[in-house]
Every structure is written in C-alpha cells, then in structure tokens.
Amino acid sequence: MGSADNKPDLLDTSMSLGDHLEELRLRVILTLVGFVTAFVLALSFGKAIILFIEGPYISVMGQDARLQSLAPADGFTTYMEIAMIAAVVVSSPWIFYQLWMFVGAGLYPHEKRYVYIAIPFSAGLFIVGALFFMFGIAPVTLRFLVMFNKEILGVASNFTFKDYVSFINIMMLVFGITFQMPIAIFFLNKTGLISVEAFRKSRRFVMLGAVVLASVATPGSDMFSLFALAIPMYLLFELGILLSYLSNRRLQKNSTE
C-alpha cells in the first residue's frame, strides 16, 4: 500500500495548461521556421528533386519517357507541391525534434530520457520509410500497373506530371509516418502506458487495422501497394514489441545484479 501511495499521479505534471499552450506555440513557430527554410532550399533545387522523383518512372518506362502536363497551371502547382514535400523530408529531423520536445515537456524527469532516444530514431525512420518506398516499392508498383494496363486492359500508360508526383509524394509521406510505429510502441511501453503483454494480445487487431489503414492511405491504388504498406506496418509493430521486450529484459537483469 505504501508503494502505491508514493507512486506519482500520471495526471500530475509540473506544467500548467497555460505553460503547455505556450510550449506548443513555441514549438509550432520553431517548426514553421525550419520548414520554411527547407522549403526555400527545395525551391532552389527543384529541378534536381524532380529528376529524383521521376527515377522510378524512367526506370519502368525508359529513358525517353516524359510525363505530361494537361493543364496550364499543372506544372507550377506540382512544382510547389514537390518543394513542400521535399521540405518536409529535409526538415524532418528538426520537425521531430520539436514534436518530441513538446511531448517531453509534460513528462517526469525519468521519462524524458526516452524522448532523447526517440528523436534521432524518429527522424531516421521517417527518411528510411520515404526512401524505402522510392527505391523499393515505387518501381515495382509502377511496373505492375503498366503491365496490367498493357496486358489486361490493352491500353497505353501515359501518366500526367501532376498525378504521378501526387502519387509519389503521398506514398512517401505515408511510408515515412508508418515507419514511426516502433518508436511509438517503445515510447508507450517505457512510459508505462501500455505493457508488452497488452501489445502482444492486440496482434490480430493490429493485423486487421494495418490492412484497413493501408487501404485508406492508398485510395485507388493497386493491391500490391496496399499490401506493400500493410505488411511493413505489421512488421514494424512486431519490431516495436521486440525492442520493448529486450529493453525491459535488460533492465530486469541489471536490477537483479
């Protein structure tokens, strides 16, 4: 009973509501400053970024293939979209730093150290997820779609610049965010919110949820894209459980020595 009485109340923090709002305002401002800086840089290197994004399309369609622009403003608006997505990817370490620092502001001192662990891994996993789609999933998906159009439907694949870039950008963001799952699970476990056993018991629901979320995140896409997102999503869930288990086991071992 005594140990339970001395346990800190999870709702009790050293920050008032006003302090939390002020911290949120500061982090939003700093995030916007980093994003705008990256956006300006992305505008300066827009042509190089476009060539990078066109990589999967060229690898499937051939070196002479060119995307089409059907509306007068499509080129400009898509260029701005490319710059914004590139800015998010480039500034992701800064964005995740501000996000986790805001989360850490309301935690107890012994919990804040997990925030500093999460920051570099969050940024790294976001970039890895985006690049995983670009180099691993996008070429296979495009090749499947082109072959399906040709062999099954008997139609030529003439993608527009706007539609192709939107597809690539959205999927890069989706994969980048999905790759945050191990960090989220590890953080929830280490702060005592959800146990490893509870995560294990939720496996069947997570598997179903992964398919549902993947279908929502890839509307109108092929089945390959859906499962190419759902399967890594579930495997990342298992990775988060494994990391939490190994960390807890190491702590238990150290406490008994």
C-alpha atoms as a PDB file:
ATOM      1  CA  MET A   1       0.000   0.000   0.000  1.00  0.00           C
ATOM      2  CA  GLY A   2       2.824   2.343   0.856  1.00  0.00           C
ATOM      3  CA  SER A   3       4.488   1.930  -2.525  1.00  0.00           C
ATOM      4  CA  ALA A   4       1.174   2.528  -4.260  1.00  0.00           C
ATOM      5  CA  ASP A   5       0.601   5.714  -2.265  1.00  0.00           C
ATOM      6  CA  ASN A   6       4.038   7.007  -3.230  1.00  0.00           C
ATOM      7  CA  LYS A   7       3.516   6.343  -6.911  1.00  0.00           C
ATOM      8  CA  PRO A   8       3.285   9.647  -8.861  1.00  0.00           C
ATOM      9  CA  ASP A   9      -0.040  10.552 -10.378  1.00  0.00           C
ATOM     10  CA  LEU A  10       0.262  10.360 -14.177  1.00  0.00           C
ATOM     11  CA  LEU A  11      -2.089  13.314 -14.481  1.00  0.00           C
ATOM     12  CA  ASP A  12       0.091  15.433 -12.251  1.00  0.00           C
ATOM     13  CA  THR A  13       2.666  17.469 -14.172  1.00  0.00           C
ATOM     14  CA  SER A  14       4.813  20.428 -13.334  1.00  0.00           C
ATOM     15  CA  MET A  15       3.320  22.475 -16.174  1.00  0.00           C
ATOM     16  CA  SER A  16       0.027  24.333 -16.084  1.00  0.00           C
ATOM     17  CA  LEU A  17      -2.357  24.494 -19.047  1.00  0.00           C
ATOM     18  CA  GLY A  18      -1.007  27.939 -19.877  1.00  0.00           C
ATOM     19  CA  ASP A  19       2.555  26.606 -19.838  1.00  0.00           C
ATOM     20  CA  HIS A  20       1.566  23.777 -22.192  1.00  0.00           C
ATOM     21  CA  LEU A  21      -0.064  26.224 -24.609  1.00  0.00           C
ATOM     22  CA  GLU A  22       2.982  28.481 -24.537  1.00  0.00           C
ATOM     23  CA  GLU A  23       5.242  25.479 -25.140  1.00  0.00           C
ATOM     24  CA  LEU A  24       3.018  24.419 -28.048  1.00  0.00           C
ATOM     25  CA  ARG A  25       3.150  27.907 -29.572  1.00  0.00           C
ATOM     26  CA  LEU A  26       6.952  27.958 -29.322  1.00  0.00           C
ATOM     27  CA  ARG A  27       7.334  24.523 -30.913  1.00  0.00           C
ATOM     28  CA  VAL A  28       4.920  25.381 -33.752  1.00  0.00           C
ATOM     29  CA  ILE A  29       6.834  28.586 -34.514  1.00  0.00           C
ATOM     30  CA  LEU A  30      10.198  26.798 -34.490  1.00  0.00           C
ATOM     31  CA  THR A  31       8.781  24.026 -36.677  1.00  0.00           C
ATOM     32  CA  LEU A  32       7.498  26.554 -39.217  1.00  0.00           C
ATOM     33  CA  VAL A  33      10.845  28.358 -39.266  1.00  0.00           C
ATOM     34  CA  GLY A  34      12.634  25.100 -40.056  1.00  0.00           C
ATOM     35  CA  PHE A  35      10.067  24.098 -42.670  1.00  0.00           C
ATOM     36  CA  VAL A  36      10.114  27.473 -44.449  1.00  0.00           C
ATOM     37  CA  THR A  37      13.924  27.410 -44.554  1.00  0.00           C
ATOM     38  CA  ALA A  38      13.869  23.922 -46.078  1.00  0.00           C
ATOM     39  CA  PHE A  39      11.099  24.992 -48.484  1.00  0.00           C
ATOM     40  CA  VAL A  40      13.221  27.860 -49.839  1.00  0.00           C
ATOM     41  CA  LEU A  41      16.134  25.463 -50.348  1.00  0.00           C
ATOM     42  CA  ALA A  42      13.847  22.963 -52.063  1.00  0.00           C
ATOM     43  CA  LEU A  43      12.652  25.641 -54.492  1.00  0.00           C
ATOM     44  CA  SER A  44      16.261  26.325 -55.388  1.00  0.00           C
ATOM     45  CA  PHE A  45      16.930  22.662 -56.159  1.00  0.00           C
ATOM     46  CA  GLY A  46      13.519  21.873 -57.654  1.00  0.00           C
ATOM     47  CA  LYS A  47      14.844  20.515 -60.957  1.00  0.00           C
ATOM     48  CA  ALA A  48      17.168  18.056 -59.232  1.00  0.00           C
ATOM     49  CA  ILE A  49      14.337  16.925 -56.942  1.00  0.00           C
ATOM     50  CA  ILE A  50      12.048  16.375 -59.944  1.00  0.00           C
ATOM     51  CA  LEU A  51      14.691  14.202 -61.612  1.00  0.00           C
ATOM     52  CA  PHE A  52      14.947  12.186 -58.401  1.00  0.00           C
ATOM     53  CA  ILE A  53      11.175  11.696 -58.180  1.00  0.00           C
ATOM     54  CA  GLU A  54      10.993  10.754 -61.867  1.00  0.00           C
ATOM     55  CA  GLY A  55      13.547   7.987 -61.284  1.00  0.00           C
ATOM     56  CA  PRO A  56      11.047   5.116 -60.804  1.00  0.00           C
ATOM     57  CA  TYR A  57       9.003   6.312 -63.801  1.00  0.00           C
ATOM     58  CA  ILE A  58      12.059   6.450 -66.084  1.00  0.00           C
ATOM     59  CA  SER A  59      13.282   3.044 -64.887  1.00  0.00           C
ATOM     60  CA  VAL A  60       9.939   1.497 -65.888  1.00  0.00           C
ATOM     61  CA  MET A  61       9.029   3.490 -68.992  1.00  0.00           C
ATOM     62  CA  GLY A  62      12.500   4.014 -70.476  1.00  0.00           C
ATOM     63  CA  GLN A  63      14.934   6.907 -70.800  1.00  0.00           C
ATOM     64  CA  ASP A  64      12.894   8.658 -73.477  1.00  0.00           C
ATOM     65  CA  ALA A  65       9.667   8.649 -71.457  1.00  0.00           C
ATOM     66  CA  ARG A  66       8.251  12.006 -70.408  1.00  0.00           C
ATOM     67  CA  LEU A  67       5.432  12.924 -68.070  1.00  0.00           C
ATOM     68  CA  GLN A  68       2.632  15.092 -69.465  1.00  0.00           C
ATOM     69  CA  SER A  69       1.115  18.317 -68.226  1.00  0.00           C
ATOM     70  CA  LEU A  70      -2.506  18.698 -69.364  1.00  0.00           C
ATOM     71  CA  ALA A  71      -3.500  21.982 -67.697  1.00  0.00           C
ATOM     72  CA  PRO A  72      -1.668  25.328 -67.948  1.00  0.00           C
ATOM     73  CA  ALA A  73      -1.050  25.624 -64.205  1.00  0.00           C
ATOM     74  CA  ASP A  74      -0.278  21.947 -63.529  1.00  0.00           C
ATOM     75  CA  GLY A  75       3.462  22.383 -63.887  1.00  0.00           C
ATOM     76  CA  PHE A  76       3.673  25.285 -61.439  1.00  0.00           C
ATOM     77  CA  THR A  77       1.336  23.863 -58.797  1.00  0.00           C
ATOM     78  CA  THR A  78       3.044  20.465 -58.925  1.00  0.00           C
ATOM     79  CA  TYR A  79       6.451  22.117 -58.644  1.00  0.00           C
ATOM     80  CA  MET A  80       5.302  23.848 -55.463  1.00  0.00           C
ATOM     81  CA  GLU A  81       3.912  20.562 -54.128  1.00  0.00           C
ATOM     82  CA  ILE A  82       7.251  18.862 -54.793  1.00  0.00           C
ATOM     83  CA  ALA A  83       9.074  21.632 -52.942  1.00  0.00           C
ATOM     84  CA  MET A  84       6.747  21.310 -49.929  1.00  0.00           C
ATOM     85  CA  ILE A  85       7.125  17.533 -49.659  1.00  0.00           C
ATOM     86  CA  ALA A  86      10.894  17.808 -50.093  1.00  0.00           C
ATOM     87  CA  ALA A  87      10.920  20.442 -47.345  1.00  0.00           C
ATOM     88  CA  VAL A  88       9.064  18.070 -45.016  1.00  0.00           C
ATOM     89  CA  VAL A  89      11.579  15.281 -45.679  1.00  0.00           C
ATOM     90  CA  VAL A  90      14.632  17.535 -45.355  1.00  0.00           C
ATOM     91  CA  SER A  91      13.372  19.265 -42.219  1.00  0.00           C
ATOM     92  CA  SER A  92      12.012  16.065 -40.648  1.00  0.00           C
ATOM     93  CA  PRO A  93      14.850  15.834 -38.066  1.00  0.00           C
ATOM     94  CA  TRP A  94      14.002  19.361 -36.900  1.00  0.00           C
ATOM     95  CA  ILE A  95      10.244  18.706 -37.006  1.00  0.00           C
ATOM     96  CA  PHE A  96      10.506  15.522 -34.963  1.00  0.00           C
ATOM     97  CA  TYR A  97      12.841  17.243 -32.530  1.00  0.00           C
ATOM     98  CA  GLN A  98      10.232  19.939 -31.855  1.00  0.00           C
ATOM     99  CA  LEU A  99       7.440  17.357 -31.613  1.00  0.00           C
ATOM    100  CA  TRP A 100       9.260  15.196 -29.103  1.00  0.00           C
ATOM    101  CA  MET A 101      10.446  18.192 -27.084  1.00  0.00           C
ATOM    102  CA  PHE A 102       6.819  19.274 -26.725  1.00  0.00           C
ATOM    103  CA  VAL A 103       5.871  15.767 -25.596  1.00  0.00           C
ATOM    104  CA  GLY A 104       8.815  15.672 -23.205  1.00  0.00           C
ATOM    105  CA  ALA A 105       7.887  18.989 -21.591  1.00  0.00           C
ATOM    106  CA  GLY A 106       4.984  17.335 -19.780  1.00  0.00           C
ATOM    107  CA  LEU A 107       6.817  14.180 -18.691  1.00  0.00           C
ATOM    108  CA  TYR A 108       8.576  13.250 -15.480  1.00  0.00           C
ATOM    109  CA  PRO A 109      12.395  13.505 -15.457  1.00  0.00           C
ATOM    110  CA  HIS A 110      12.880   9.711 -15.592  1.00  0.00           C
ATOM    111  CA  GLU A 111      10.614   9.561 -18.660  1.00  0.00           C
ATOM    112  CA  LYS A 112      12.271  12.403 -20.564  1.00  0.00           C
ATOM    113  CA  ARG A 113      15.352  10.347 -21.362  1.00  0.00           C
ATOM    114  CA  TYR A 114      13.224   8.213 -23.656  1.00  0.00           C
ATOM    115  CA  VAL A 115      12.359  11.361 -25.594  1.00  0.00           C
ATOM    116  CA  TYR A 116      16.036  11.963 -26.356  1.00  0.00           C
ATOM    117  CA  ILE A 117      16.296   8.361 -27.525  1.00  0.00           C
ATOM    118  CA  ALA A 118      13.230   8.743 -29.759  1.00  0.00           C
ATOM    119  CA  ILE A 119      14.260  11.984 -31.504  1.00  0.00           C
ATOM    120  CA  PRO A 120      17.079  10.696 -33.779  1.00  0.00           C
ATOM    121  CA  PHE A 121      15.325   7.397 -34.461  1.00  0.00           C
ATOM    122  CA  SER A 122      12.071   9.163 -35.438  1.00  0.00           C
ATOM    123  CA  ALA A 123      13.824  11.345 -37.992  1.00  0.00           C
ATOM    124  CA  GLY A 124      15.898   8.455 -39.302  1.00  0.00           C
ATOM    125  CA  LEU A 125      12.934   6.104 -39.644  1.00  0.00           C
ATOM    126  CA  PHE A 126      10.890   8.760 -41.443  1.00  0.00           C
ATOM    127  CA  ILE A 127      13.607   9.215 -44.050  1.00  0.00           C
ATOM    128  CA  VAL A 128      14.173   5.453 -44.321  1.00  0.00           C
ATOM    129  CA  GLY A 129      10.440   4.909 -44.868  1.00  0.00           C
ATOM    130  CA  ALA A 130      10.257   7.537 -47.608  1.00  0.00           C
ATOM    131  CA  LEU A 131      13.349   6.167 -49.372  1.00  0.00           C
ATOM    132  CA  PHE A 132      12.123   2.589 -48.952  1.00  0.00           C
ATOM    133  CA  PHE A 133       9.068   3.497 -50.978  1.00  0.00           C
ATOM    134  CA  MET A 134      11.049   5.391 -53.624  1.00  0.00           C
ATOM    135  CA  PHE A 135      13.645   2.699 -54.272  1.00  0.00           C
ATOM    136  CA  GLY A 136      11.864  -0.485 -53.197  1.00  0.00           C
ATOM    137  CA  ILE A 137       8.126  -0.131 -53.691  1.00  0.00           C
ATOM    138  CA  ALA A 138       7.557   2.559 -56.344  1.00  0.00           C
ATOM    139  CA  PRO A 139       9.406   0.847 -59.241  1.00  0.00           C
ATOM    140  CA  VAL A 140       7.652  -2.496 -58.611  1.00  0.00           C
ATOM    141  CA  THR A 141       4.254  -0.827 -58.233  1.00  0.00           C
ATOM    142  CA  LEU A 142       4.640   1.208 -61.422  1.00  0.00           C
ATOM    143  CA  ARG A 143       5.859  -1.823 -63.367  1.00  0.00           C
ATOM    144  CA  PHE A 144       2.836  -3.808 -62.198  1.00  0.00           C
ATOM    145  CA  LEU A 145       0.427  -1.016 -63.141  1.00  0.00           C
ATOM    146  CA  VAL A 146       1.994  -0.509 -66.567  1.00  0.00           C
ATOM    147  CA  MET A 147       1.952  -4.252 -67.325  1.00  0.00           C
ATOM    148  CA  PHE A 148      -1.640  -4.546 -66.091  1.00  0.00           C
ATOM    149  CA  ASN A 149      -2.725  -1.703 -68.367  1.00  0.00           C
ATOM    150  CA  LYS A 150      -0.900  -3.220 -71.329  1.00  0.00           C
ATOM    151  CA  GLU A 151      -1.561  -6.963 -70.944  1.00  0.00           C
ATOM    152  CA  ILE A 152      -5.005  -6.991 -69.307  1.00  0.00           C
ATOM    153  CA  LEU A 153      -6.660  -3.770 -70.462  1.00  0.00           C
ATOM    154  CA  GLY A 154      -4.772  -3.224 -73.704  1.00  0.00           C
ATOM    155  CA  VAL A 155      -4.248   0.481 -73.030  1.00  0.00           C
ATOM    156  CA  ALA A 156      -1.106   2.610 -73.005  1.00  0.00           C
ATOM    157  CA  SER A 157       0.153   4.153 -69.767  1.00  0.00           C
ATOM    158  CA  ASN A 158       0.548   7.912 -70.195  1.00  0.00           C
ATOM    159  CA  PHE A 159       0.817   9.341 -66.695  1.00  0.00           C
ATOM    160  CA  THR A 160       0.428  13.050 -66.117  1.00  0.00           C
ATOM    161  CA  PHE A 161       3.066  15.005 -64.260  1.00  0.00           C
ATOM    162  CA  LYS A 162       0.554  16.126 -61.624  1.00  0.00           C
ATOM    163  CA  ASP A 163      -0.960  12.701 -60.904  1.00  0.00           C
ATOM    164  CA  TYR A 164       2.379  10.904 -60.846  1.00  0.00           C
ATOM    165  CA  VAL A 165       4.018  13.397 -58.485  1.00  0.00           C
ATOM    166  CA  SER A 166       0.975  13.425 -56.186  1.00  0.00           C
ATOM    167  CA  PHE A 167       1.060   9.628 -56.003  1.00  0.00           C
ATOM    168  CA  ILE A 168       4.791   9.563 -55.192  1.00  0.00           C
ATOM    169  CA  ASN A 169       4.582  12.390 -52.660  1.00  0.00           C
ATOM    170  CA  ILE A 170       1.603  10.963 -50.780  1.00  0.00           C
ATOM    171  CA  MET A 171       3.103   7.486 -50.590  1.00  0.00           C
ATOM    172  CA  MET A 172       6.485   8.815 -49.418  1.00  0.00           C
ATOM    173  CA  LEU A 173       4.747  10.632 -46.567  1.00  0.00           C
ATOM    174  CA  VAL A 174       2.601   7.601 -45.719  1.00  0.00           C
ATOM    175  CA  PHE A 175       5.602   5.259 -45.577  1.00  0.00           C
ATOM    176  CA  GLY A 176       7.628   7.799 -43.598  1.00  0.00           C
ATOM    177  CA  ILE A 177       4.879   8.163 -40.990  1.00  0.00           C
ATOM    178  CA  THR A 178       4.260   4.404 -40.889  1.00  0.00           C
ATOM    179  CA  PHE A 179       7.906   3.775 -40.034  1.00  0.00           C
ATOM    180  CA  GLN A 180       7.355   5.688 -36.774  1.00  0.00           C
ATOM    181  CA  MET A 181       5.486   2.719 -35.299  1.00  0.00           C
ATOM    182  CA  PRO A 182       8.432   1.029 -33.485  1.00  0.00           C
ATOM    183  CA  ILE A 183       9.331   4.293 -31.763  1.00  0.00           C
ATOM    184  CA  ALA A 184       5.715   4.927 -30.743  1.00  0.00           C
ATOM    185  CA  ILE A 185       5.375   1.413 -29.280  1.00  0.00           C
ATOM    186  CA  PHE A 186       8.704   1.654 -27.466  1.00  0.00           C
ATOM    187  CA  PHE A 187       7.790   5.052 -26.009  1.00  0.00           C
ATOM    188  CA  LEU A 188       4.330   3.946 -24.874  1.00  0.00           C
ATOM    189  CA  ASN A 189       5.828   0.916 -23.182  1.00  0.00           C
ATOM    190  CA  LYS A 190       8.725   2.698 -21.469  1.00  0.00           C
ATOM    191  CA  THR A 191       6.457   5.396 -20.058  1.00  0.00           C
ATOM    192  CA  GLY A 192       4.234   2.693 -18.573  1.00  0.00           C
ATOM    193  CA  LEU A 193       1.140   3.466 -20.639  1.00  0.00           C
ATOM    194  CA  ILE A 194       0.902   0.095 -22.434  1.00  0.00           C
ATOM    195  CA  SER A 195       2.630  -3.151 -21.484  1.00  0.00           C
ATOM    196  CA  VAL A 196       4.369  -5.546 -23.859  1.00  0.00           C
ATOM    197  CA  GLU A 197       1.781  -8.183 -22.978  1.00  0.00           C
ATOM    198  CA  ALA A 198      -1.042  -5.831 -23.991  1.00  0.00           C
ATOM    199  CA  PHE A 199       0.659  -5.214 -27.345  1.00  0.00           C
ATOM    200  CA  ARG A 200       1.025  -8.961 -27.855  1.00  0.00           C
ATOM    201  CA  LYS A 201      -2.647  -9.600 -27.167  1.00  0.00           C
ATOM    202  CA  SER A 202      -3.631  -6.981 -29.762  1.00  0.00           C
ATOM    203  CA  ARG A 203      -1.764  -8.652 -32.659  1.00  0.00           C
ATOM    204  CA  ARG A 204      -4.853  -9.869 -34.530  1.00  0.00           C
ATOM    205  CA  PHE A 205      -6.476  -6.452 -34.297  1.00  0.00           C
ATOM    206  CA  VAL A 206      -3.297  -4.720 -35.418  1.00  0.00           C
ATOM    207  CA  MET A 207      -3.050  -7.037 -38.419  1.00  0.00           C
ATOM    208  CA  LEU A 208      -6.594  -6.154 -39.458  1.00  0.00           C
ATOM    209  CA  GLY A 209      -6.020  -2.489 -38.688  1.00  0.00           C
ATOM    210  CA  ALA A 210      -2.875  -2.451 -40.820  1.00  0.00           C
ATOM    211  CA  VAL A 211      -4.846  -3.618 -43.860  1.00  0.00           C
ATOM    212  CA  VAL A 212      -7.632  -1.112 -43.200  1.00  0.00           C
ATOM    213  CA  LEU A 213      -5.234   1.796 -42.683  1.00  0.00           C
ATOM    214  CA  ALA A 214      -3.227   0.823 -45.756  1.00  0.00           C
ATOM    215  CA  SER A 215      -6.402   0.778 -47.862  1.00  0.00           C
ATOM    216  CA  VAL A 216      -7.308   4.242 -46.550  1.00  0.00           C
ATOM    217  CA  ALA A 217      -3.795   5.569 -47.117  1.00  0.00           C
ATOM    218  CA  THR A 218      -3.648   4.194 -50.684  1.00  0.00           C
ATOM    219  CA  PRO A 219      -7.092   5.009 -52.132  1.00  0.00           C
ATOM    220  CA  GLY A 220      -7.462   3.918 -55.733  1.00  0.00           C
ATOM    221  CA  SER A 221      -4.075   2.149 -55.722  1.00  0.00           C
ATOM    222  CA  ASP A 222      -3.431  -1.462 -56.671  1.00  0.00           C
ATOM    223  CA  MET A 223      -3.422  -4.397 -54.247  1.00  0.00           C
ATOM    224  CA  PHE A 224       0.356  -4.553 -54.370  1.00  0.00           C
ATOM    225  CA  SER A 225       0.660  -1.018 -52.971  1.00  0.00           C
ATOM    226  CA  LEU A 226      -1.888  -1.856 -50.271  1.00  0.00           C
ATOM    227  CA  PHE A 227      -0.033  -4.929 -49.018  1.00  0.00           C
ATOM    228  CA  ALA A 228       3.357  -3.304 -49.622  1.00  0.00           C
ATOM    229  CA  LEU A 229       2.302  -0.852 -46.906  1.00  0.00           C
ATOM    230  CA  ALA A 230       0.268  -3.197 -44.678  1.00  0.00           C
ATOM    231  CA  ILE A 231       2.979  -5.862 -44.350  1.00  0.00           C
ATOM    232  CA  PRO A 232       5.795  -3.464 -43.321  1.00  0.00           C
ATOM    233  CA  MET A 233       3.328  -1.755 -40.978  1.00  0.00           C
ATOM    234  CA  TYR A 234       2.684  -5.005 -39.139  1.00  0.00           C
ATOM    235  CA  LEU A 235       6.362  -5.999 -39.142  1.00  0.00           C
ATOM    236  CA  LEU A 236       7.234  -2.610 -37.642  1.00  0.00           C
ATOM    237  CA  PHE A 237       4.649  -3.277 -34.943  1.00  0.00           C
ATOM    238  CA  GLU A 238       6.418  -6.537 -34.127  1.00  0.00           C
ATOM    239  CA  LEU A 239       9.770  -4.726 -34.147  1.00  0.00           C
ATOM    240  CA  GLY A 240       8.441  -2.259 -31.589  1.00  0.00           C
ATOM    241  CA  ILE A 241       7.337  -5.134 -29.350  1.00  0.00           C
ATOM    242  CA  LEU A 242      10.735  -6.814 -29.691  1.00  0.00           C
ATOM    243  CA  LEU A 243      12.635  -3.639 -28.830  1.00  0.00           C
ATOM    244  CA  SER A 244      10.430  -3.046 -25.784  1.00  0.00           C
ATOM    245  CA  TYR A 245      10.841  -6.651 -24.621  1.00  0.00           C
ATOM    246  CA  LEU A 246      14.629  -6.604 -24.970  1.00  0.00           C
ATOM    247  CA  SER A 247      14.858  -3.270 -23.159  1.00  0.00           C
ATOM    248  CA  ASN A 248      12.658  -4.480 -20.286  1.00  0.00           C
ATOM    249  CA  ARG A 249      14.612  -7.702 -20.030  1.00  0.00           C
ATOM    250  CA  ARG A 250      17.899  -5.813 -19.854  1.00  0.00           C
ATOM    251  CA  LEU A 251      16.560  -3.563 -17.095  1.00  0.00           C
ATOM    252  CA  GLN A 252      15.324  -6.577 -15.113  1.00  0.00           C
ATOM    253  CA  LYS A 253      18.676  -8.263 -15.481  1.00  0.00           C
ATOM    254  CA  ASN A 254      20.532  -5.167 -14.288  1.00  0.00           C
ATOM    255  CA  SER A 255      18.202  -4.776 -11.295  1.00  0.00           C
ATOM    256  CA  THR A 256      18.891  -8.332 -10.111  1.00  0.00           C
ATOM    257  CA  GLU A 257      22.657  -7.996 -10.306  1.00  0.00           C
END
